[in-house]
Amino acid sequence: RSVERMATENGATCVDKTHFVFAGGQIKSFLSLVSYLGTGENRPKYLGVKIPPSNLKPDAGDEARAFAGSLADRVGADLA
């Protein structure tokens, strides 16, 4: 919603939207990112706290492909 609001305020038009989520919530996802950036690998714990993998949820690839396909279809229809 924030991105859509900012885009609209700056003259853009929202044609579609989706929401990608990291596993583990904000704190654990942040710890996971810090751990990954420090070591270059996914670890099961950081400072003794169990953390999720430092990437998107498993179904994110399918969701991204569907979103991109939907946008491509709209652009194709607008150009025709």
PDB file of N, CA and C in Angstrom:
ATOM      1  N   ARG A   1       0.826  -1.197   0.000  1.00  0.00           N
ATOM      2  CA  ARG A   1       0.000   0.000   0.000  1.00  0.00           C
ATOM      3  C   ARG A   1       0.863   1.251   0.000  1.00  0.00           C
ATOM      4  N   SER A   2       1.952   1.213   0.746  1.00  0.00           N
ATOM      5  CA  SER A   2       2.830   2.378   0.820  1.00  0.00           C
ATOM      6  C   SER A   2       3.451   2.681  -0.537  1.00  0.00           C
ATOM      7  N   VAL A   3       3.914   1.648  -1.216  1.00  0.00           N
ATOM      8  CA  VAL A   3       4.528   1.847  -2.532  1.00  0.00           C
ATOM      9  C   VAL A   3       3.495   2.376  -3.511  1.00  0.00           C
ATOM     10  N   GLU A   4       2.291   1.809  -3.479  1.00  0.00           N
ATOM     11  CA  GLU A   4       1.226   2.265  -4.372  1.00  0.00           C
ATOM     12  C   GLU A   4       0.881   3.726  -4.090  1.00  0.00           C
ATOM     13  N   ARG A   5       0.779   4.093  -2.823  1.00  0.00           N
ATOM     14  CA  ARG A   5       0.463   5.475  -2.441  1.00  0.00           C
ATOM     15  C   ARG A   5       1.554   6.432  -2.919  1.00  0.00           C
ATOM     16  N   MET A   6       2.814   6.077  -2.688  1.00  0.00           N
ATOM     17  CA  MET A   6       3.915   6.942  -3.111  1.00  0.00           C
ATOM     18  C   MET A   6       3.967   7.087  -4.623  1.00  0.00           C
ATOM     19  N   ALA A   7       3.706   5.991  -5.332  1.00  0.00           N
ATOM     20  CA  ALA A   7       3.707   6.046  -6.792  1.00  0.00           C
ATOM     21  C   ALA A   7       2.608   6.977  -7.294  1.00  0.00           C
ATOM     22  N   THR A   8       1.416   6.838  -6.735  1.00  0.00           N
ATOM     23  CA  THR A   8       0.283   7.672  -7.137  1.00  0.00           C
ATOM     24  C   THR A   8       0.562   9.146  -6.843  1.00  0.00           C
ATOM     25  N   GLU A   9       1.147   9.427  -5.688  1.00  0.00           N
ATOM     26  CA  GLU A   9       1.481  10.811  -5.328  1.00  0.00           C
ATOM     27  C   GLU A   9       2.491  11.423  -6.291  1.00  0.00           C
ATOM     28  N   ASN A  10       3.284  10.583  -6.934  1.00  0.00           N
ATOM     29  CA  ASN A  10       4.311  11.063  -7.857  1.00  0.00           C
ATOM     30  C   ASN A  10       3.911  10.919  -9.319  1.00  0.00           C
ATOM     31  N   GLY A  11       2.620  10.717  -9.565  1.00  0.00           N
ATOM     32  CA  GLY A  11       2.102  10.724 -10.919  1.00  0.00           C
ATOM     33  C   GLY A  11       2.063   9.387 -11.644  1.00  0.00           C
ATOM     34  N   ALA A  12       2.424   8.310 -10.976  1.00  0.00           N
ATOM     35  CA  ALA A  12       2.395   6.991 -11.616  1.00  0.00           C
ATOM     36  C   ALA A  12       1.009   6.372 -11.492  1.00  0.00           C
ATOM     37  N   THR A  13       0.763   5.370 -12.303  1.00  0.00           N
ATOM     38  CA  THR A  13      -0.492   4.635 -12.247  1.00  0.00           C
ATOM     39  C   THR A  13      -0.194   3.187 -11.895  1.00  0.00           C
ATOM     40  N   CYS A  14      -0.854   2.676 -10.904  1.00  0.00           N
ATOM     41  CA  CYS A  14      -0.677   1.281 -10.496  1.00  0.00           C
ATOM     42  C   CYS A  14      -1.530   0.400 -11.404  1.00  0.00           C
ATOM     43  N   VAL A  15      -0.895  -0.541 -12.096  1.00  0.00           N
ATOM     44  CA  VAL A  15      -1.633  -1.420 -12.990  1.00  0.00           C
ATOM     45  C   VAL A  15      -1.849  -2.807 -12.400  1.00  0.00           C
ATOM     46  N   ASP A  16      -1.043  -3.175 -11.413  1.00  0.00           N
ATOM     47  CA  ASP A  16      -1.166  -4.478 -10.753  1.00  0.00           C
ATOM     48  C   ASP A  16      -0.312  -4.445  -9.498  1.00  0.00           C
ATOM     49  N   LYS A  17      -0.519  -5.391  -8.605  1.00  0.00           N
ATOM     50  CA  LYS A  17       0.304  -5.416  -7.404  1.00  0.00           C
ATOM     51  C   LYS A  17       0.368  -6.829  -6.839  1.00  0.00           C
ATOM     52  N   THR A  18       1.430  -7.071  -6.095  1.00  0.00           N
ATOM     53  CA  THR A  18       1.615  -8.336  -5.391  1.00  0.00           C
ATOM     54  C   THR A  18       2.460  -8.043  -4.164  1.00  0.00           C
ATOM     55  N   HIS A  19       2.534  -8.995  -3.270  1.00  0.00           N
ATOM     56  CA  HIS A  19       3.269  -8.790  -2.021  1.00  0.00           C
ATOM     57  C   HIS A  19       4.172  -9.990  -1.788  1.00  0.00           C
ATOM     58  N   PHE A  20       5.483  -9.759  -1.768  1.00  0.00           N
ATOM     59  CA  PHE A  20       6.430 -10.832  -1.509  1.00  0.00           C
ATOM     60  C   PHE A  20       6.833 -10.782  -0.042  1.00  0.00           C
ATOM     61  N   VAL A  21       6.912 -11.940   0.580  1.00  0.00           N
ATOM     62  CA  VAL A  21       7.163 -12.015   2.019  1.00  0.00           C
ATOM     63  C   VAL A  21       8.353 -12.928   2.299  1.00  0.00           C
ATOM     64  N   PHE A  22       9.234 -12.464   3.174  1.00  0.00           N
ATOM     65  CA  PHE A  22      10.314 -13.306   3.670  1.00  0.00           C
ATOM     66  C   PHE A  22       9.783 -14.150   4.813  1.00  0.00           C
ATOM     67  N   ALA A  23      10.279 -15.347   4.944  1.00  0.00           N
ATOM     68  CA  ALA A  23       9.877 -16.218   6.046  1.00  0.00           C
ATOM     69  C   ALA A  23      10.448 -15.681   7.360  1.00  0.00           C
ATOM     70  N   GLY A  24       9.698 -15.797   8.434  1.00  0.00           N
ATOM     71  CA  GLY A  24      10.248 -15.509   9.756  1.00  0.00           C
ATOM     72  C   GLY A  24       9.957 -14.165  10.364  1.00  0.00           C
ATOM     73  N   GLY A  25       9.224 -13.295   9.720  1.00  0.00           N
ATOM     74  CA  GLY A  25       8.925 -11.995  10.302  1.00  0.00           C
ATOM     75  C   GLY A  25      10.098 -11.036  10.179  1.00  0.00           C
ATOM     76  N   GLN A  26       9.923  -9.801  10.633  1.00  0.00           N
ATOM     77  CA  GLN A  26      10.916  -8.761  10.424  1.00  0.00           C
ATOM     78  C   GLN A  26      12.222  -9.000  11.184  1.00  0.00           C
ATOM     79  N   ILE A  27      12.152  -9.306  12.451  1.00  0.00           N
ATOM     80  CA  ILE A  27      13.367  -9.436  13.263  1.00  0.00           C
ATOM     81  C   ILE A  27      14.199 -10.633  12.814  1.00  0.00           C
ATOM     82  N   LYS A  28      13.578 -11.791  12.729  1.00  0.00           N
ATOM     83  CA  LYS A  28      14.320 -12.987  12.352  1.00  0.00           C
ATOM     84  C   LYS A  28      14.806 -12.910  10.908  1.00  0.00           C
ATOM     85  N   SER A  29      14.038 -12.299  10.023  1.00  0.00           N
ATOM     86  CA  SER A  29      14.483 -12.119   8.650  1.00  0.00           C
ATOM     87  C   SER A  29      15.700 -11.193   8.596  1.00  0.00           C
ATOM     88  N   PHE A  30      15.688 -10.153   9.431  1.00  0.00           N
ATOM     89  CA  PHE A  30      16.833  -9.247   9.491  1.00  0.00           C
ATOM     90  C   PHE A  30      18.071  -9.970  10.009  1.00  0.00           C
ATOM     91  N   LEU A  31      17.905 -10.758  11.069  1.00  0.00           N
ATOM     92  CA  LEU A  31      19.030 -11.541  11.593  1.00  0.00           C
ATOM     93  C   LEU A  31      19.555 -12.503  10.529  1.00  0.00           C
ATOM     94  N   SER A  32      18.646 -13.094   9.780  1.00  0.00           N
ATOM     95  CA  SER A  32      19.028 -14.007   8.721  1.00  0.00           C
ATOM     96  C   SER A  32      19.840 -13.285   7.648  1.00  0.00           C
ATOM     97  N   LEU A  33      19.403 -12.091   7.265  1.00  0.00           N
ATOM     98  CA  LEU A  33      20.120 -11.302   6.269  1.00  0.00           C
ATOM     99  C   LEU A  33      21.511 -10.934   6.769  1.00  0.00           C
ATOM    100  N   VAL A  34      21.608 -10.459   8.011  1.00  0.00           N
ATOM    101  CA  VAL A  34      22.905 -10.089   8.586  1.00  0.00           C
ATOM    102  C   VAL A  34      23.829 -11.295   8.623  1.00  0.00           C
ATOM    103  N   SER A  35      23.293 -12.429   9.032  1.00  0.00           N
ATOM    104  CA  SER A  35      24.085 -13.652   9.071  1.00  0.00           C
ATOM    105  C   SER A  35      24.579 -14.025   7.684  1.00  0.00           C
ATOM    106  N   TYR A  36      23.698 -13.946   6.692  1.00  0.00           N
ATOM    107  CA  TYR A  36      24.065 -14.308   5.323  1.00  0.00           C
ATOM    108  C   TYR A  36      25.124 -13.352   4.771  1.00  0.00           C
ATOM    109  N   LEU A  37      24.934 -12.062   5.002  1.00  0.00           N
ATOM    110  CA  LEU A  37      25.907 -11.093   4.495  1.00  0.00           C
ATOM    111  C   LEU A  37      27.275 -11.274   5.148  1.00  0.00           C
ATOM    112  N   GLY A  38      27.286 -11.714   6.401  1.00  0.00           N
ATOM    113  CA  GLY A  38      28.549 -11.925   7.109  1.00  0.00           C
ATOM    114  C   GLY A  38      29.275 -13.191   6.711  1.00  0.00           C
ATOM    115  N   THR A  39      28.534 -14.232   6.327  1.00  0.00           N
ATOM    116  CA  THR A  39      29.162 -15.526   6.048  1.00  0.00           C
ATOM    117  C   THR A  39      29.010 -15.985   4.607  1.00  0.00           C
ATOM    118  N   GLY A  40      28.015 -15.454   3.886  1.00  0.00           N
ATOM    119  CA  GLY A  40      27.766 -15.890   2.523  1.00  0.00           C
ATOM    120  C   GLY A  40      27.035 -17.216   2.434  1.00  0.00           C
ATOM    121  N   GLU A  41      26.489 -17.677   3.540  1.00  0.00           N
ATOM    122  CA  GLU A  41      25.735 -18.941   3.533  1.00  0.00           C
ATOM    123  C   GLU A  41      24.564 -18.854   4.503  1.00  0.00           C
ATOM    124  N   ASN A  42      23.541 -19.662   4.225  1.00  0.00           N
ATOM    125  CA  ASN A  42      22.393 -19.746   5.133  1.00  0.00           C
ATOM    126  C   ASN A  42      22.775 -20.607   6.327  1.00  0.00           C
ATOM    127  N   ARG A  43      22.567 -20.064   7.518  1.00  0.00           N
ATOM    128  CA  ARG A  43      22.851 -20.821   8.735  1.00  0.00           C
ATOM    129  C   ARG A  43      21.543 -21.006   9.506  1.00  0.00           C
ATOM    130  N   PRO A  44      21.432 -22.065  10.284  1.00  0.00           N
ATOM    131  CA  PRO A  44      20.186 -22.301  11.023  1.00  0.00           C
ATOM    132  C   PRO A  44      20.026 -21.390  12.250  1.00  0.00           C
ATOM    133  N   LYS A  45      21.135 -20.836  12.764  1.00  0.00           N
ATOM    134  CA  LYS A  45      21.073 -19.973  13.949  1.00  0.00           C
ATOM    135  C   LYS A  45      22.015 -18.792  13.788  1.00  0.00           C
ATOM    136  N   TYR A  46      21.642 -17.703  14.466  1.00  0.00           N
ATOM    137  CA  TYR A  46      22.496 -16.515  14.528  1.00  0.00           C
ATOM    138  C   TYR A  46      22.471 -16.012  15.951  1.00  0.00           C
ATOM    139  N   LEU A  47      23.632 -15.919  16.566  1.00  0.00           N
ATOM    140  CA  LEU A  47      23.743 -15.527  17.978  1.00  0.00           C
ATOM    141  C   LEU A  47      22.838 -16.377  18.867  1.00  0.00           C
ATOM    142  N   GLY A  48      22.735 -17.647  18.527  1.00  0.00           N
ATOM    143  CA  GLY A  48      21.940 -18.587  19.308  1.00  0.00           C
ATOM    144  C   GLY A  48      20.449 -18.576  19.021  1.00  0.00           C
ATOM    145  N   VAL A  49      19.999 -17.710  18.118  1.00  0.00           N
ATOM    146  CA  VAL A  49      18.577 -17.598  17.779  1.00  0.00           C
ATOM    147  C   VAL A  49      18.323 -18.350  16.480  1.00  0.00           C
ATOM    148  N   LYS A  50      17.313 -19.215  16.471  1.00  0.00           N
ATOM    149  CA  LYS A  50      16.948 -19.941  15.259  1.00  0.00           C
ATOM    150  C   LYS A  50      16.413 -18.941  14.243  1.00  0.00           C
ATOM    151  N   ILE A  51      16.946 -18.999  13.010  1.00  0.00           N
ATOM    152  CA  ILE A  51      16.552 -18.048  11.967  1.00  0.00           C
ATOM    153  C   ILE A  51      16.107 -18.789  10.705  1.00  0.00           C
ATOM    154  N   PRO A  52      15.233 -18.147   9.918  1.00  0.00           N
ATOM    155  CA  PRO A  52      14.794 -18.755   8.660  1.00  0.00           C
ATOM    156  C   PRO A  52      15.875 -18.578   7.591  1.00  0.00           C
ATOM    157  N   PRO A  53      15.764 -19.258   6.458  1.00  0.00           N
ATOM    158  CA  PRO A  53      16.698 -19.030   5.354  1.00  0.00           C
ATOM    159  C   PRO A  53      16.617 -17.577   4.890  1.00  0.00           C
ATOM    160  N   SER A  54      17.718 -17.030   4.411  1.00  0.00           N
ATOM    161  CA  SER A  54      17.740 -15.617   4.003  1.00  0.00           C
ATOM    162  C   SER A  54      17.282 -15.448   2.560  1.00  0.00           C
ATOM    163  N   ASN A  55      16.088 -15.908   2.269  1.00  0.00           N
ATOM    164  CA  ASN A  55      15.525 -15.737   0.940  1.00  0.00           C
ATOM    165  C   ASN A  55      14.003 -15.732   1.051  1.00  0.00           C
ATOM    166  N   LEU A  56      13.339 -15.536  -0.061  1.00  0.00           N
ATOM    167  CA  LEU A  56      11.884 -15.494  -0.060  1.00  0.00           C
ATOM    168  C   LEU A  56      11.286 -16.868   0.221  1.00  0.00           C
ATOM    169  N   LYS A  57      10.000 -16.867   0.565  1.00  0.00           N
ATOM    170  CA  LYS A  57       9.305 -18.128   0.799  1.00  0.00           C
ATOM    171  C   LYS A  57       9.361 -18.996  -0.455  1.00  0.00           C
ATOM    172  N   PRO A  58       9.257 -20.323  -0.297  1.00  0.00           N
ATOM    173  CA  PRO A  58       9.430 -21.243  -1.436  1.00  0.00           C
ATOM    174  C   PRO A  58       8.542 -20.976  -2.646  1.00  0.00           C
ATOM    175  N   ASP A  59       7.315 -20.509  -2.456  1.00  0.00           N
ATOM    176  CA  ASP A  59       6.413 -20.297  -3.587  1.00  0.00           C
ATOM    177  C   ASP A  59       6.604 -18.942  -4.273  1.00  0.00           C
ATOM    178  N   ALA A  60       7.591 -18.172  -3.854  1.00  0.00           N
ATOM    179  CA  ALA A  60       7.782 -16.826  -4.399  1.00  0.00           C
ATOM    180  C   ALA A  60       8.103 -16.848  -5.886  1.00  0.00           C
ATOM    181  N   GLY A  61       8.836 -17.849  -6.354  1.00  0.00           N
ATOM    182  CA  GLY A  61       9.169 -17.926  -7.777  1.00  0.00           C
ATOM    183  C   GLY A  61       7.931 -18.072  -8.640  1.00  0.00           C
ATOM    184  N   ASP A  62       7.030 -18.942  -8.226  1.00  0.00           N
ATOM    185  CA  ASP A  62       5.779 -19.127  -8.966  1.00  0.00           C
ATOM    186  C   ASP A  62       4.945 -17.851  -8.948  1.00  0.00           C
ATOM    187  N   GLU A  63       4.894 -17.214  -7.788  1.00  0.00           N
ATOM    188  CA  GLU A  63       4.130 -15.976  -7.648  1.00  0.00           C
ATOM    189  C   GLU A  63       4.727 -14.873  -8.525  1.00  0.00           C
ATOM    190  N   ALA A  64       6.045 -14.776  -8.560  1.00  0.00           N
ATOM    191  CA  ALA A  64       6.711 -13.759  -9.380  1.00  0.00           C
ATOM    192  C   ALA A  64       6.459 -14.007 -10.870  1.00  0.00           C
ATOM    193  N   ARG A  65       6.517 -15.276 -11.304  1.00  0.00           N
ATOM    194  CA  ARG A  65       6.253 -15.589 -12.709  1.00  0.00           C
ATOM    195  C   ARG A  65       4.822 -15.226 -13.096  1.00  0.00           C
ATOM    196  N   ALA A  66       3.865 -15.542 -12.225  1.00  0.00           N
ATOM    197  CA  ALA A  66       2.464 -15.213 -12.507  1.00  0.00           C
ATOM    198  C   ALA A  66       2.268 -13.701 -12.581  1.00  0.00           C
ATOM    199  N   PHE A  67       2.899 -12.970 -11.665  1.00  0.00           N
ATOM    200  CA  PHE A  67       2.798 -11.509 -11.648  1.00  0.00           C
ATOM    201  C   PHE A  67       3.410 -10.923 -12.917  1.00  0.00           C
ATOM    202  N   ALA A  68       4.599 -11.386 -13.297  1.00  0.00           N
ATOM    203  CA  ALA A  68       5.259 -10.890 -14.506  1.00  0.00           C
ATOM    204  C   ALA A  68       4.437 -11.224 -15.755  1.00  0.00           C
ATOM    205  N   GLY A  69       3.870 -12.424 -15.793  1.00  0.00           N
ATOM    206  CA  GLY A  69       3.029 -12.813 -16.924  1.00  0.00           C
ATOM    207  C   GLY A  69       1.807 -11.924 -17.051  1.00  0.00           C
ATOM    208  N   SER A  70       1.187 -11.610 -15.927  1.00  0.00           N
ATOM    209  CA  SER A  70       0.020 -10.732 -15.918  1.00  0.00           C
ATOM    210  C   SER A  70       0.376  -9.340 -16.436  1.00  0.00           C
ATOM    211  N   LEU A  71       1.515  -8.810 -15.981  1.00  0.00           N
ATOM    212  CA  LEU A  71       1.947  -7.494 -16.458  1.00  0.00           C
ATOM    213  C   LEU A  71       2.267  -7.527 -17.949  1.00  0.00           C
ATOM    214  N   ALA A  72       2.940  -8.579 -18.398  1.00  0.00           N
ATOM    215  CA  ALA A  72       3.278  -8.698 -19.819  1.00  0.00           C
ATOM    216  C   ALA A  72       2.016  -8.762 -20.675  1.00  0.00           C
ATOM    217  N   ASP A  73       1.005  -9.493 -20.205  1.00  0.00           N
ATOM    218  CA  ASP A  73      -0.256  -9.575 -20.945  1.00  0.00           C
ATOM    219  C   ASP A  73      -0.907  -8.200 -21.061  1.00  0.00           C
ATOM    220  N   ARG A  74      -0.878  -7.424 -19.975  1.00  0.00           N
ATOM    221  CA  ARG A  74      -1.474  -6.087 -19.996  1.00  0.00           C
ATOM    222  C   ARG A  74      -0.714  -5.153 -20.950  1.00  0.00           C
ATOM    223  N   VAL A  75       0.607  -5.214 -20.897  1.00  0.00           N
ATOM    224  CA  VAL A  75       1.403  -4.363 -21.796  1.00  0.00           C
ATOM    225  C   VAL A  75       1.142  -4.771 -23.230  1.00  0.00           C
ATOM    226  N   GLY A  76       1.099  -6.070 -23.506  1.00  0.00           N
ATOM    227  CA  GLY A  76       0.821  -6.550 -24.860  1.00  0.00           C
ATOM    228  C   GLY A  76      -0.539  -6.079 -25.352  1.00  0.00           C
ATOM    229  N   ALA A  77      -1.537  -6.122 -24.478  1.00  0.00           N
ATOM    230  CA  ALA A  77      -2.889  -5.692 -24.852  1.00  0.00           C
ATOM    231  C   ALA A  77      -2.916  -4.181 -25.104  1.00  0.00           C
ATOM    232  N   ASP A  78      -2.161  -3.415 -24.314  1.00  0.00           N
ATOM    233  CA  ASP A  78      -2.121  -1.962 -24.494  1.00  0.00           C
ATOM    234  C   ASP A  78      -1.424  -1.557 -25.794  1.00  0.00           C
ATOM    235  N   LEU A  79      -0.454  -2.379 -26.235  1.00  0.00           N
ATOM    236  CA  LEU A  79       0.289  -2.069 -27.449  1.00  0.00           C
ATOM    237  C   LEU A  79      -0.453  -2.489 -28.715  1.00  0.00           C
ATOM    238  N   ALA A  80      -1.375  -3.410 -28.558  1.00  0.00           N
ATOM    239  CA  ALA A  80      -2.093  -3.926 -29.743  1.00  0.00           C
ATOM    240  C   ALA A  80      -3.140  -2.971 -30.247  1.00  0.00           C
TER     241      ALA A  80
END
